[in-house]
Amino acid sequence: QLQASGGGLVQTGDSLRLSCAASGRTFTMYSIGWFRQAPGKEREFVAAISWSGGNTDYADSVKGRFTISRDNAKNSVYLQMNSLKPEDTAVYYCAVERMRNPMGSWGRGTLVTVSS
């Protein structure tokens, strides 16, 4: 199961680093993605990283501002978010990912609130 953490309340232009902790030895076999759900909106894809970390993918809305990375030795995936905007406000989740879609069940998300 994957659990996200690191959210908080920040101002426009600030940075945050989210962490996704995984349990289980098979974590390193999968691509992991970050997804978010804003109030009143559907959950959307944010970023993904391949099992080796060699390939990454970003939604256009975050490209150039967010960076996804992973440390398989720590069973963790990270999302560095810079130049945050109010429209980035959402609950962020991590999940096993395939073709920008989440696979399996959702773990605990983390709330990011960006004030203007």
N, C-alpha and C. Protein backbone atom coordinates (compact mmCIF):
# COMPACT_ATOMS: atom_id res chain seq x y z
N GLN A 1 0.85 -1.19 0.00
CA GLN A 1 0.00 0.00 0.00
C GLN A 1 0.89 1.24 0.00
N LEU A 2 0.41 2.29 -0.65
CA LEU A 2 1.18 3.52 -0.78
C LEU A 2 0.52 4.62 0.03
N GLN A 3 1.31 5.36 0.77
CA GLN A 3 0.81 6.44 1.62
C GLN A 3 1.56 7.72 1.29
N ALA A 4 0.81 8.78 1.00
CA ALA A 4 1.40 10.08 0.69
C ALA A 4 1.49 10.94 1.94
N SER A 5 2.50 11.80 1.97
CA SER A 5 2.67 12.74 3.08
C SER A 5 3.43 13.96 2.60
N GLY A 6 3.46 14.99 3.44
CA GLY A 6 4.25 16.17 3.12
C GLY A 6 3.45 17.38 2.69
N GLY A 7 2.13 17.25 2.63
CA GLY A 7 1.32 18.39 2.22
C GLY A 7 1.28 19.47 3.28
N GLY A 8 0.66 20.59 2.93
CA GLY A 8 0.54 21.69 3.87
C GLY A 8 -0.05 22.91 3.22
N LEU A 9 -0.05 24.00 3.97
CA LEU A 9 -0.56 25.28 3.49
C LEU A 9 0.62 26.16 3.13
N VAL A 10 0.68 26.60 1.87
CA VAL A 10 1.76 27.46 1.40
C VAL A 10 1.18 28.61 0.60
N GLN A 11 2.04 29.55 0.25
CA GLN A 11 1.62 30.69 -0.55
C GLN A 11 2.03 30.49 -2.02
N THR A 12 1.42 31.23 -2.88
CA THR A 12 1.77 31.19 -4.30
C THR A 12 3.26 31.43 -4.48
N GLY A 13 3.88 30.55 -5.28
CA GLY A 13 5.30 30.67 -5.54
C GLY A 13 6.18 29.83 -4.62
N ASP A 14 5.61 29.31 -3.56
CA ASP A 14 6.37 28.49 -2.61
C ASP A 14 6.61 27.09 -3.17
N SER A 15 7.37 26.31 -2.41
CA SER A 15 7.69 24.93 -2.79
C SER A 15 7.27 23.97 -1.69
N LEU A 16 7.01 22.73 -2.10
CA LEU A 16 6.72 21.64 -1.18
C LEU A 16 7.30 20.37 -1.76
N ARG A 17 7.65 19.44 -0.89
CA ARG A 17 8.10 18.14 -1.34
C ARG A 17 7.21 17.07 -0.74
N LEU A 18 6.53 16.35 -1.57
CA LEU A 18 5.68 15.26 -1.12
C LEU A 18 6.46 13.95 -1.15
N SER A 19 6.10 13.07 -0.23
CA SER A 19 6.72 11.75 -0.18
C SER A 19 5.64 10.69 -0.28
N CYS A 20 6.00 9.59 -0.90
CA CYS A 20 5.11 8.44 -1.03
C CYS A 20 5.88 7.24 -0.52
N ALA A 21 5.39 6.67 0.56
CA ALA A 21 6.06 5.52 1.18
C ALA A 21 5.30 4.25 0.83
N ALA A 22 6.04 3.23 0.47
CA ALA A 22 5.42 1.98 0.05
C ALA A 22 5.81 0.84 0.98
N SER A 23 4.90 -0.07 1.14
CA SER A 23 5.19 -1.29 1.88
C SER A 23 5.19 -2.45 0.89
N GLY A 24 6.00 -3.43 1.13
CA GLY A 24 6.04 -4.56 0.23
C GLY A 24 7.28 -4.59 -0.63
N ARG A 25 7.75 -5.74 -0.89
CA ARG A 25 9.00 -5.91 -1.62
C ARG A 25 8.84 -5.71 -3.11
N THR A 26 7.59 -5.67 -3.62
CA THR A 26 7.40 -5.56 -5.06
C THR A 26 7.34 -4.13 -5.54
N PHE A 27 7.53 -3.18 -4.65
CA PHE A 27 7.45 -1.76 -5.01
C PHE A 27 8.34 -1.42 -6.18
N THR A 28 9.54 -1.95 -6.18
CA THR A 28 10.51 -1.56 -7.20
C THR A 28 10.16 -2.10 -8.58
N MET A 29 9.14 -2.94 -8.68
CA MET A 29 8.76 -3.51 -9.97
C MET A 29 7.84 -2.61 -10.77
N TYR A 30 7.31 -1.56 -10.15
CA TYR A 30 6.23 -0.81 -10.77
C TYR A 30 6.55 0.65 -11.03
N SER A 31 5.90 1.17 -12.06
CA SER A 31 5.85 2.61 -12.23
C SER A 31 4.91 3.19 -11.18
N ILE A 32 5.28 4.31 -10.63
CA ILE A 32 4.49 4.97 -9.60
C ILE A 32 4.08 6.35 -10.10
N GLY A 33 2.84 6.69 -9.84
CA GLY A 33 2.34 7.98 -10.28
C GLY A 33 1.80 8.80 -9.13
N TRP A 34 1.81 10.09 -9.34
CA TRP A 34 1.13 11.03 -8.45
C TRP A 34 -0.14 11.49 -9.15
N PHE A 35 -1.21 11.57 -8.39
CA PHE A 35 -2.50 12.02 -8.87
C PHE A 35 -3.04 13.04 -7.87
N ARG A 36 -3.96 13.85 -8.31
CA ARG A 36 -4.54 14.83 -7.39
C ARG A 36 -6.02 15.02 -7.67
N GLN A 37 -6.71 15.43 -6.63
CA GLN A 37 -8.14 15.70 -6.75
C GLN A 37 -8.45 17.01 -6.04
N ALA A 38 -8.87 17.97 -6.83
CA ALA A 38 -9.26 19.27 -6.29
C ALA A 38 -10.73 19.22 -5.88
N PRO A 39 -11.15 20.10 -4.99
CA PRO A 39 -12.55 20.11 -4.56
C PRO A 39 -13.49 20.24 -5.74
N GLY A 40 -14.46 19.34 -5.83
CA GLY A 40 -15.45 19.40 -6.88
C GLY A 40 -14.98 18.93 -8.24
N LYS A 41 -13.78 18.40 -8.30
CA LYS A 41 -13.23 17.96 -9.59
C LYS A 41 -12.86 16.49 -9.54
N GLU A 42 -12.68 15.92 -10.71
CA GLU A 42 -12.27 14.52 -10.78
C GLU A 42 -10.77 14.41 -10.51
N ARG A 43 -10.38 13.23 -10.10
CA ARG A 43 -8.97 12.98 -9.86
C ARG A 43 -8.23 13.04 -11.19
N GLU A 44 -7.01 13.63 -11.19
CA GLU A 44 -6.27 13.77 -12.42
C GLU A 44 -4.82 13.34 -12.24
N PHE A 45 -4.22 12.96 -13.34
CA PHE A 45 -2.83 12.56 -13.37
C PHE A 45 -1.93 13.78 -13.20
N VAL A 46 -0.84 13.60 -12.45
CA VAL A 46 0.12 14.69 -12.24
C VAL A 46 1.48 14.31 -12.82
N ALA A 47 2.02 13.18 -12.39
CA ALA A 47 3.36 12.77 -12.82
C ALA A 47 3.54 11.28 -12.58
N ALA A 48 4.50 10.69 -13.28
CA ALA A 48 4.80 9.28 -13.09
C ALA A 48 6.28 9.03 -13.32
N ILE A 49 6.76 7.95 -12.71
CA ILE A 49 8.16 7.58 -12.86
C ILE A 49 8.25 6.07 -13.03
N SER A 50 9.08 5.63 -13.95
CA SER A 50 9.23 4.20 -14.22
C SER A 50 9.91 3.50 -13.06
N TRP A 51 9.90 2.17 -13.09
CA TRP A 51 10.40 1.40 -11.96
C TRP A 51 11.88 1.69 -11.71
N SER A 52 12.63 1.99 -12.76
CA SER A 52 14.06 2.26 -12.61
C SER A 52 14.35 3.72 -12.32
N GLY A 53 13.36 4.56 -12.55
CA GLY A 53 13.57 5.99 -12.41
C GLY A 53 14.09 6.63 -13.68
N GLY A 54 14.28 5.82 -14.71
CA GLY A 54 14.87 6.35 -15.93
C GLY A 54 13.92 7.11 -16.83
N ASN A 55 12.63 6.91 -16.62
CA ASN A 55 11.64 7.59 -17.44
C ASN A 55 10.63 8.30 -16.55
N THR A 56 10.30 9.51 -16.92
CA THR A 56 9.31 10.29 -16.18
C THR A 56 8.29 10.87 -17.16
N ASP A 57 7.14 11.22 -16.62
CA ASP A 57 6.05 11.76 -17.43
C ASP A 57 5.32 12.78 -16.58
N TYR A 58 4.93 13.89 -17.19
CA TYR A 58 4.27 14.96 -16.45
C TYR A 58 3.04 15.47 -17.19
N ALA A 59 2.04 15.84 -16.43
CA ALA A 59 0.92 16.56 -17.01
C ALA A 59 1.41 17.93 -17.46
N ASP A 60 0.81 18.44 -18.52
CA ASP A 60 1.23 19.75 -19.04
C ASP A 60 1.12 20.84 -17.98
N SER A 61 0.15 20.72 -17.11
CA SER A 61 -0.10 21.77 -16.12
C SER A 61 1.02 21.89 -15.08
N VAL A 62 1.85 20.87 -14.94
CA VAL A 62 2.91 20.91 -13.92
C VAL A 62 4.31 20.80 -14.53
N LYS A 63 4.39 20.58 -15.83
CA LYS A 63 5.69 20.40 -16.48
C LYS A 63 6.55 21.64 -16.28
N GLY A 64 7.78 21.41 -15.88
CA GLY A 64 8.70 22.52 -15.63
C GLY A 64 8.64 23.05 -14.21
N ARG A 65 7.62 22.68 -13.45
CA ARG A 65 7.51 23.13 -12.06
C ARG A 65 7.66 21.98 -11.07
N PHE A 66 7.18 20.80 -11.45
CA PHE A 66 7.23 19.63 -10.56
C PHE A 66 8.27 18.65 -11.06
N THR A 67 8.90 17.95 -10.12
CA THR A 67 9.88 16.92 -10.45
C THR A 67 9.59 15.67 -9.62
N ILE A 68 9.44 14.55 -10.30
CA ILE A 68 9.21 13.28 -9.62
C ILE A 68 10.52 12.51 -9.57
N SER A 69 10.74 11.83 -8.45
CA SER A 69 11.95 11.02 -8.29
C SER A 69 11.62 9.83 -7.39
N ARG A 70 12.54 8.88 -7.33
CA ARG A 70 12.29 7.74 -6.47
C ARG A 70 13.61 7.21 -5.90
N ASP A 71 13.50 6.56 -4.75
CA ASP A 71 14.63 5.91 -4.10
C ASP A 71 14.15 4.51 -3.75
N ASN A 72 14.47 3.55 -4.59
CA ASN A 72 13.97 2.19 -4.37
C ASN A 72 14.54 1.55 -3.12
N ALA A 73 15.70 1.98 -2.72
CA ALA A 73 16.29 1.45 -1.48
C ALA A 73 15.47 1.85 -0.27
N LYS A 74 14.75 2.95 -0.39
CA LYS A 74 13.90 3.44 0.70
C LYS A 74 12.43 3.20 0.42
N ASN A 75 12.14 2.49 -0.66
CA ASN A 75 10.73 2.25 -1.03
C ASN A 75 9.93 3.55 -1.05
N SER A 76 10.50 4.57 -1.66
CA SER A 76 9.87 5.88 -1.63
C SER A 76 9.91 6.56 -2.99
N VAL A 77 8.87 7.35 -3.23
CA VAL A 77 8.78 8.21 -4.40
C VAL A 77 8.50 9.62 -3.91
N TYR A 78 9.06 10.60 -4.58
CA TYR A 78 8.93 11.99 -4.14
C TYR A 78 8.36 12.85 -5.27
N LEU A 79 7.74 13.93 -4.87
CA LEU A 79 7.26 14.93 -5.82
C LEU A 79 7.70 16.29 -5.31
N GLN A 80 8.70 16.86 -5.96
CA GLN A 80 9.15 18.21 -5.63
C GLN A 80 8.29 19.19 -6.42
N MET A 81 7.60 20.05 -5.70
CA MET A 81 6.69 21.00 -6.33
C MET A 81 7.20 22.41 -6.11
N ASN A 82 7.55 23.09 -7.17
CA ASN A 82 8.03 24.46 -7.11
C ASN A 82 7.05 25.40 -7.79
N SER A 83 7.19 26.66 -7.51
CA SER A 83 6.33 27.69 -8.12
C SER A 83 4.86 27.31 -8.03
N LEU A 84 4.45 26.98 -6.84
CA LEU A 84 3.08 26.52 -6.66
C LEU A 84 2.06 27.62 -6.95
N LYS A 85 0.93 27.19 -7.48
CA LYS A 85 -0.15 28.10 -7.84
C LYS A 85 -1.42 27.69 -7.09
N PRO A 86 -2.36 28.60 -6.93
CA PRO A 86 -3.61 28.23 -6.27
C PRO A 86 -4.31 27.04 -6.93
N GLU A 87 -4.18 26.93 -8.24
CA GLU A 87 -4.82 25.81 -8.94
C GLU A 87 -4.16 24.47 -8.66
N ASP A 88 -3.04 24.47 -7.95
CA ASP A 88 -2.43 23.21 -7.52
C ASP A 88 -3.06 22.68 -6.23
N THR A 89 -3.93 23.47 -5.64
CA THR A 89 -4.61 23.04 -4.42
C THR A 89 -5.42 21.78 -4.67
N ALA A 90 -5.15 20.74 -3.90
CA ALA A 90 -5.80 19.44 -4.09
C ALA A 90 -5.30 18.46 -3.04
N VAL A 91 -5.97 17.34 -2.96
CA VAL A 91 -5.44 16.21 -2.22
C VAL A 91 -4.61 15.39 -3.19
N TYR A 92 -3.38 15.12 -2.82
CA TYR A 92 -2.45 14.39 -3.68
C TYR A 92 -2.32 12.95 -3.20
N TYR A 93 -2.35 12.04 -4.17
CA TYR A 93 -2.25 10.61 -3.90
C TYR A 93 -1.14 10.01 -4.76
N CYS A 94 -0.59 8.94 -4.28
CA CYS A 94 0.34 8.17 -5.11
C CYS A 94 -0.24 6.78 -5.30
N ALA A 95 0.08 6.19 -6.42
CA ALA A 95 -0.45 4.87 -6.75
C ALA A 95 0.42 4.24 -7.82
N VAL A 96 0.32 2.94 -7.93
CA VAL A 96 0.92 2.26 -9.06
C VAL A 96 0.25 2.82 -10.32
N GLU A 97 1.06 3.05 -11.33
CA GLU A 97 0.55 3.78 -12.50
C GLU A 97 0.83 3.00 -13.78
N ARG A 98 -0.11 3.12 -14.69
CA ARG A 98 0.10 2.58 -16.03
C ARG A 98 -0.62 3.49 -17.02
N MET A 99 0.11 4.02 -17.95
CA MET A 99 -0.43 4.89 -19.00
C MET A 99 -1.29 6.01 -18.41
N ARG A 100 -0.77 6.63 -17.37
CA ARG A 100 -1.38 7.77 -16.70
C ARG A 100 -2.65 7.41 -15.94
N ASN A 101 -2.85 6.13 -15.71
CA ASN A 101 -4.01 5.71 -14.92
C ASN A 101 -3.55 5.00 -13.67
N PRO A 102 -4.28 5.19 -12.58
CA PRO A 102 -3.92 4.49 -11.34
C PRO A 102 -4.34 3.02 -11.41
N MET A 103 -3.54 2.19 -10.80
CA MET A 103 -3.85 0.76 -10.74
C MET A 103 -3.96 0.36 -9.28
N GLY A 104 -4.96 -0.42 -8.97
CA GLY A 104 -5.11 -0.89 -7.60
C GLY A 104 -5.79 0.12 -6.72
N SER A 105 -5.67 -0.08 -5.42
CA SER A 105 -6.40 0.75 -4.46
C SER A 105 -5.59 2.00 -4.10
N TRP A 106 -6.31 2.99 -3.57
CA TRP A 106 -5.69 4.23 -3.15
C TRP A 106 -5.29 4.14 -1.69
N GLY A 107 -4.18 4.73 -1.37
CA GLY A 107 -3.79 4.87 0.02
C GLY A 107 -4.20 6.25 0.52
N ARG A 108 -3.64 6.62 1.65
CA ARG A 108 -3.92 7.94 2.22
C ARG A 108 -3.32 9.04 1.37
N GLY A 109 -4.10 10.08 1.10
CA GLY A 109 -3.60 11.23 0.37
C GLY A 109 -3.09 12.30 1.31
N THR A 110 -2.53 13.36 0.74
CA THR A 110 -2.05 14.48 1.53
C THR A 110 -2.54 15.78 0.91
N LEU A 111 -3.04 16.68 1.75
CA LEU A 111 -3.66 17.91 1.26
C LEU A 111 -2.62 18.99 1.04
N VAL A 112 -2.65 19.57 -0.15
CA VAL A 112 -1.82 20.73 -0.48
C VAL A 112 -2.76 21.91 -0.73
N THR A 113 -2.55 22.98 0.00
CA THR A 113 -3.35 24.18 -0.16
C THR A 113 -2.43 25.34 -0.48
N VAL A 114 -2.68 25.98 -1.62
CA VAL A 114 -1.86 27.10 -2.05
C VAL A 114 -2.72 28.36 -2.01
N SER A 115 -2.35 29.29 -1.16
CA SER A 115 -3.12 30.52 -1.02
C SER A 115 -2.56 31.58 -1.97
N SER A 116 -3.46 32.44 -2.44
CA SER A 116 -3.05 33.50 -3.39
C SER A 116 -2.63 34.75 -2.66
